[in-house]
N, C-alpha and C. Protein backbone atom coordinates (compact mmCIF):
# COMPACT_ATOMS: atom_id res chain seq x y z
N MET A 1 145.38 161.56 183.54
CA MET A 1 143.96 161.42 183.50
C MET A 1 143.41 160.52 184.74
N GLU A 2 142.87 161.10 185.82
CA GLU A 2 142.77 160.55 186.99
C GLU A 2 141.53 159.82 187.26
N PHE A 3 141.11 158.67 187.53
CA PHE A 3 140.20 157.91 187.94
C PHE A 3 139.84 157.89 189.37
N MET A 4 138.10 158.38 189.34
CA MET A 4 137.67 158.31 190.36
C MET A 4 136.43 156.80 191.09
N TYR A 5 136.70 156.34 190.53
CA TYR A 5 136.15 154.96 190.19
C TYR A 5 137.07 153.95 190.80
N ASN A 6 136.29 152.70 191.69
CA ASN A 6 136.76 151.47 192.59
C ASN A 6 137.33 150.84 191.48
N SER A 7 136.43 150.30 190.29
CA SER A 7 136.73 148.99 189.49
C SER A 7 136.40 149.94 187.95
N ILE A 8 136.74 148.93 187.21
CA ILE A 8 136.51 149.06 185.59
C ILE A 8 135.21 149.10 185.18
N ILE A 9 134.45 148.17 185.79
CA ILE A 9 133.01 147.99 185.71
C ILE A 9 132.20 148.83 185.92
N GLU A 10 132.69 149.82 187.10
CA GLU A 10 131.96 150.86 187.75
C GLU A 10 132.39 151.99 186.57
N PHE A 11 133.43 152.07 186.48
CA PHE A 11 134.05 153.53 185.25
C PHE A 11 132.84 153.09 183.86
N LEU A 12 133.04 152.04 183.54
CA LEU A 12 132.33 151.79 182.16
C LEU A 12 130.94 151.87 182.50
N VAL A 13 130.27 151.71 183.31
CA VAL A 13 128.63 151.58 183.48
C VAL A 13 128.42 152.89 184.08
N ASP A 14 128.93 153.87 184.72
CA ASP A 14 128.83 154.82 185.19
C ASP A 14 127.74 156.04 184.33
N ALA A 15 127.11 156.58 184.81
CA ALA A 15 126.06 157.39 183.89
C ALA A 15 127.24 158.78 183.22
N GLY A 16 126.66 158.63 182.33
CA GLY A 16 127.36 159.72 181.49
C GLY A 16 127.97 158.89 180.02
N ASP A 17 128.64 159.98 179.30
CA ASP A 17 129.05 159.56 178.09
C ASP A 17 130.94 159.38 178.34
N ILE A 18 131.00 157.96 178.08
CA ILE A 18 132.63 157.51 178.52
C ILE A 18 133.51 158.38 177.50
N HIS A 19 132.81 158.80 176.40
CA HIS A 19 133.85 159.47 175.43
C HIS A 19 134.19 160.84 176.16
N ASP A 20 133.46 160.97 176.99
CA ASP A 20 134.02 162.49 177.35
C ASP A 20 134.66 162.21 178.97
N ARG A 21 134.81 161.08 179.08
CA ARG A 21 135.90 160.91 180.07
C ARG A 21 137.53 160.36 179.68
N ILE A 22 137.38 159.91 178.35
CA ILE A 22 138.50 159.38 177.65
C ILE A 22 139.58 160.67 177.23
N ASP A 23 140.74 160.51 177.47
CA ASP A 23 141.71 161.79 177.24
C ASP A 23 142.18 161.41 175.86
N ARG A 24 141.95 162.09 174.69
CA ARG A 24 142.38 161.56 173.51
C ARG A 24 143.64 162.53 173.34
N GLY A 25 144.42 162.85 174.02
CA GLY A 25 145.53 163.66 173.87
C GLY A 25 145.79 164.81 172.89
N LYS A 26 146.79 165.56 172.71
CA LYS A 26 146.96 166.68 172.00
C LYS A 26 146.98 166.18 170.31
N GLU A 27 147.54 165.26 169.78
CA GLU A 27 147.84 165.01 168.50
C GLU A 27 146.53 164.69 168.27
N TYR A 28 145.45 164.21 168.88
CA TYR A 28 144.30 163.92 168.04
C TYR A 28 143.45 165.07 168.38
N LYS A 29 143.38 165.97 169.30
CA LYS A 29 142.94 167.08 168.77
C LYS A 29 143.17 168.14 167.96
N LYS A 30 144.53 168.16 167.91
CA LYS A 30 145.04 168.93 166.61
C LYS A 30 144.66 168.33 165.22
N SER A 31 144.59 166.83 165.24
CA SER A 31 144.26 166.35 163.80
C SER A 31 142.67 166.53 163.89
N ALA A 32 141.85 166.57 164.55
CA ALA A 32 140.43 166.80 164.71
C ALA A 32 140.19 168.26 164.17
N GLU A 33 140.97 169.16 164.75
CA GLU A 33 140.94 170.85 164.52
C GLU A 33 141.20 170.88 162.62
N LYS A 34 142.10 170.01 162.35
CA LYS A 34 142.72 170.30 161.08
C LYS A 34 141.29 169.76 160.08
N CYS A 35 140.96 168.81 160.24
CA CYS A 35 139.92 167.84 159.52
C CYS A 35 138.69 169.03 159.51
N SER A 36 138.36 169.78 160.83
CA SER A 36 137.24 170.43 160.98
C SER A 36 137.35 171.37 160.03
N GLU A 37 138.46 172.32 159.96
CA GLU A 37 138.93 173.05 159.07
C GLU A 37 138.89 172.59 157.53
N LEU A 38 139.42 171.81 157.38
CA LEU A 38 139.29 171.05 155.91
C LEU A 38 137.71 171.02 155.37
N TYR A 39 137.13 170.38 156.32
CA TYR A 39 135.64 170.25 155.94
C TYR A 39 134.96 171.53 155.68
N ASP A 40 134.88 172.71 156.94
CA ASP A 40 134.67 173.93 156.33
C ASP A 40 134.88 174.42 155.23
N SER A 41 136.45 174.58 154.67
CA SER A 41 137.04 174.94 153.46
C SER A 41 136.26 174.26 152.09
N LEU A 42 136.05 172.60 152.24
CA LEU A 42 135.53 171.98 151.16
C LEU A 42 133.97 172.56 151.10
N LYS A 43 133.44 172.60 152.19
CA LYS A 43 132.04 172.65 152.54
C LYS A 43 131.80 174.08 151.66
N GLY A 44 132.43 175.27 151.59
CA GLY A 44 132.44 176.31 150.94
C GLY A 44 132.80 176.30 149.41
N SER A 45 133.51 175.43 149.27
CA SER A 45 133.69 175.17 147.64
C SER A 45 132.83 174.40 146.75
N LEU A 46 132.08 173.47 147.75
CA LEU A 46 131.29 172.80 146.82
C LEU A 46 130.02 173.34 146.62
N ASN A 47 129.16 173.10 145.54
CA ASN A 47 128.03 173.44 145.27
C ASN A 47 126.97 172.30 145.96
N GLU A 48 125.90 172.50 146.06
CA GLU A 48 124.63 171.67 146.86
C GLU A 48 124.62 170.31 146.50
N GLU A 49 124.34 169.86 145.80
CA GLU A 49 124.76 168.54 145.22
C GLU A 49 126.10 167.62 145.59
N GLN A 50 127.09 168.66 145.38
CA GLN A 50 127.97 167.90 145.56
C GLN A 50 128.59 167.73 147.45
N PHE A 51 128.13 168.86 147.72
CA PHE A 51 128.49 168.37 149.12
C PHE A 51 127.40 167.66 149.93
N LYS A 52 126.01 167.43 149.18
CA LYS A 52 125.53 166.13 149.85
C LYS A 52 126.07 164.90 150.01
N ILE A 53 126.97 164.47 148.74
CA ILE A 53 127.75 163.16 148.10
C ILE A 53 128.78 163.28 148.87
N PHE A 54 129.37 164.44 148.92
CA PHE A 54 130.77 164.58 150.31
C PHE A 54 130.01 164.29 151.59
N ASN A 55 129.03 164.87 152.05
CA ASN A 55 128.50 164.73 153.64
C ASN A 55 128.22 162.99 153.73
N ASP A 56 127.54 162.39 152.69
CA ASP A 56 127.30 160.99 152.71
C ASP A 56 128.55 160.20 152.81
N TYR A 57 129.61 160.49 151.95
CA TYR A 57 130.78 159.63 152.08
C TYR A 57 131.07 160.14 153.45
N VAL A 58 131.11 161.43 153.95
CA VAL A 58 131.99 161.50 155.25
C VAL A 58 131.36 160.74 156.30
N ASP A 59 129.75 160.58 156.30
CA ASP A 59 129.00 159.65 157.34
C ASP A 59 129.17 158.44 157.02
N GLY A 60 129.40 157.90 155.67
CA GLY A 60 130.12 156.39 155.36
C GLY A 60 131.15 155.93 156.18
N GLN A 61 132.19 157.00 155.96
CA GLN A 61 133.57 156.95 156.61
C GLN A 61 133.58 156.91 158.23
N MET A 62 132.53 157.72 158.86
CA MET A 62 132.62 157.78 160.35
C MET A 62 131.75 156.09 160.93
N LEU A 63 130.76 155.69 160.05
CA LEU A 63 130.52 154.91 160.59
C LEU A 63 131.45 153.46 160.47
N CYS A 64 132.09 153.27 159.22
CA CYS A 64 133.24 152.34 159.23
C CYS A 64 134.15 152.52 160.04
N GLU A 65 134.88 153.68 160.46
CA GLU A 65 135.94 153.70 161.77
C GLU A 65 135.16 153.45 163.24
N SER A 66 133.74 154.08 163.14
CA SER A 66 133.02 153.34 164.59
C SER A 66 133.45 151.82 164.51
N GLU A 67 132.53 151.06 163.34
CA GLU A 67 132.65 149.88 163.68
C GLU A 67 134.06 149.13 163.67
N ALA A 68 135.04 149.83 163.20
CA ALA A 68 136.43 149.13 163.51
C ALA A 68 136.69 149.38 164.78
N ASN A 69 136.48 150.73 165.42
CA ASN A 69 136.84 151.00 166.79
C ASN A 69 136.19 149.75 167.33
N ILE A 70 134.99 149.78 167.46
CA ILE A 70 134.18 148.55 168.36
C ILE A 70 134.99 147.28 168.48
N ALA A 71 135.25 146.48 167.22
CA ALA A 71 136.37 145.46 167.04
C ALA A 71 137.37 145.75 167.87
N TYR A 72 138.25 147.01 167.63
CA TYR A 72 139.56 147.02 168.29
C TYR A 72 139.07 146.74 169.79
N PHE A 73 138.28 147.72 170.24
CA PHE A 73 138.01 147.48 171.25
C PHE A 73 137.78 146.03 172.35
N LYS A 74 137.03 145.06 171.70
CA LYS A 74 136.38 144.12 171.99
C LYS A 74 137.52 142.87 171.68
N ALA A 75 138.40 143.46 170.63
CA ALA A 75 139.62 142.60 170.56
C ALA A 75 140.97 142.72 171.72
N GLY A 76 140.63 143.86 172.30
CA GLY A 76 141.54 144.45 173.32
C GLY A 76 141.32 143.63 174.66
N VAL A 77 139.85 143.97 174.75
CA VAL A 77 139.31 143.23 175.53
C VAL A 77 139.08 141.99 176.01
N LYS A 78 139.36 140.98 175.19
CA LYS A 78 139.47 139.67 174.96
C LYS A 78 140.98 139.23 175.10
N PHE A 79 141.96 140.05 174.64
CA PHE A 79 143.25 139.89 174.63
C PHE A 79 143.79 140.05 176.51
N ALA A 80 142.99 141.22 177.24
CA ALA A 80 143.37 141.39 178.58
C ALA A 80 142.91 140.28 179.03
N VAL A 81 141.80 139.99 179.13
CA VAL A 81 140.98 138.90 179.67
C VAL A 81 141.81 137.48 179.73
N ARG A 82 142.19 137.30 178.22
CA ARG A 82 143.34 135.99 178.23
C ARG A 82 144.87 136.16 179.31
N PHE A 83 145.23 137.28 178.69
CA PHE A 83 146.24 137.67 179.48
C PHE A 83 146.27 137.64 181.10
N MET A 84 145.15 138.16 181.64
CA MET A 84 145.13 138.14 182.66
C MET A 84 144.60 136.43 183.37
N CYS A 85 143.93 135.98 182.75
CA CYS A 85 144.03 134.18 182.92
C CYS A 85 145.15 133.58 182.76
N GLU A 86 146.28 133.73 181.86
CA GLU A 86 147.43 133.28 181.86
C GLU A 86 148.22 133.59 182.80
N CYS A 87 148.03 134.76 183.45
CA CYS A 87 149.22 135.40 184.43
C CYS A 87 148.59 134.67 185.59
N MET A 88 147.31 134.65 186.06
CA MET A 88 147.00 133.88 187.26
C MET A 88 147.01 132.28 187.49
N ASN A 89 147.77 131.69 186.10
CA ASN A 89 148.06 130.44 185.89
C ASN A 89 149.56 129.85 186.97
């Protein structure tokens, strides 16, 4: 992945969706495709009520993962700042 920005701050605040600028790699793409196939397969085998419950579960699971990813990101930034401060001493 090639950055076209002069700073990390510029990268983070630039217009557009940051998720579109992050290369998730082959394994992520492979796993995402598999999940999509499984979701579609399961969707076709459940009745309407079962699918609604399943879909609510998937939405909840995605929210949990999003919150965890935000926490991981914040912890990573804090670690990087502390690391840089220690390196400067």
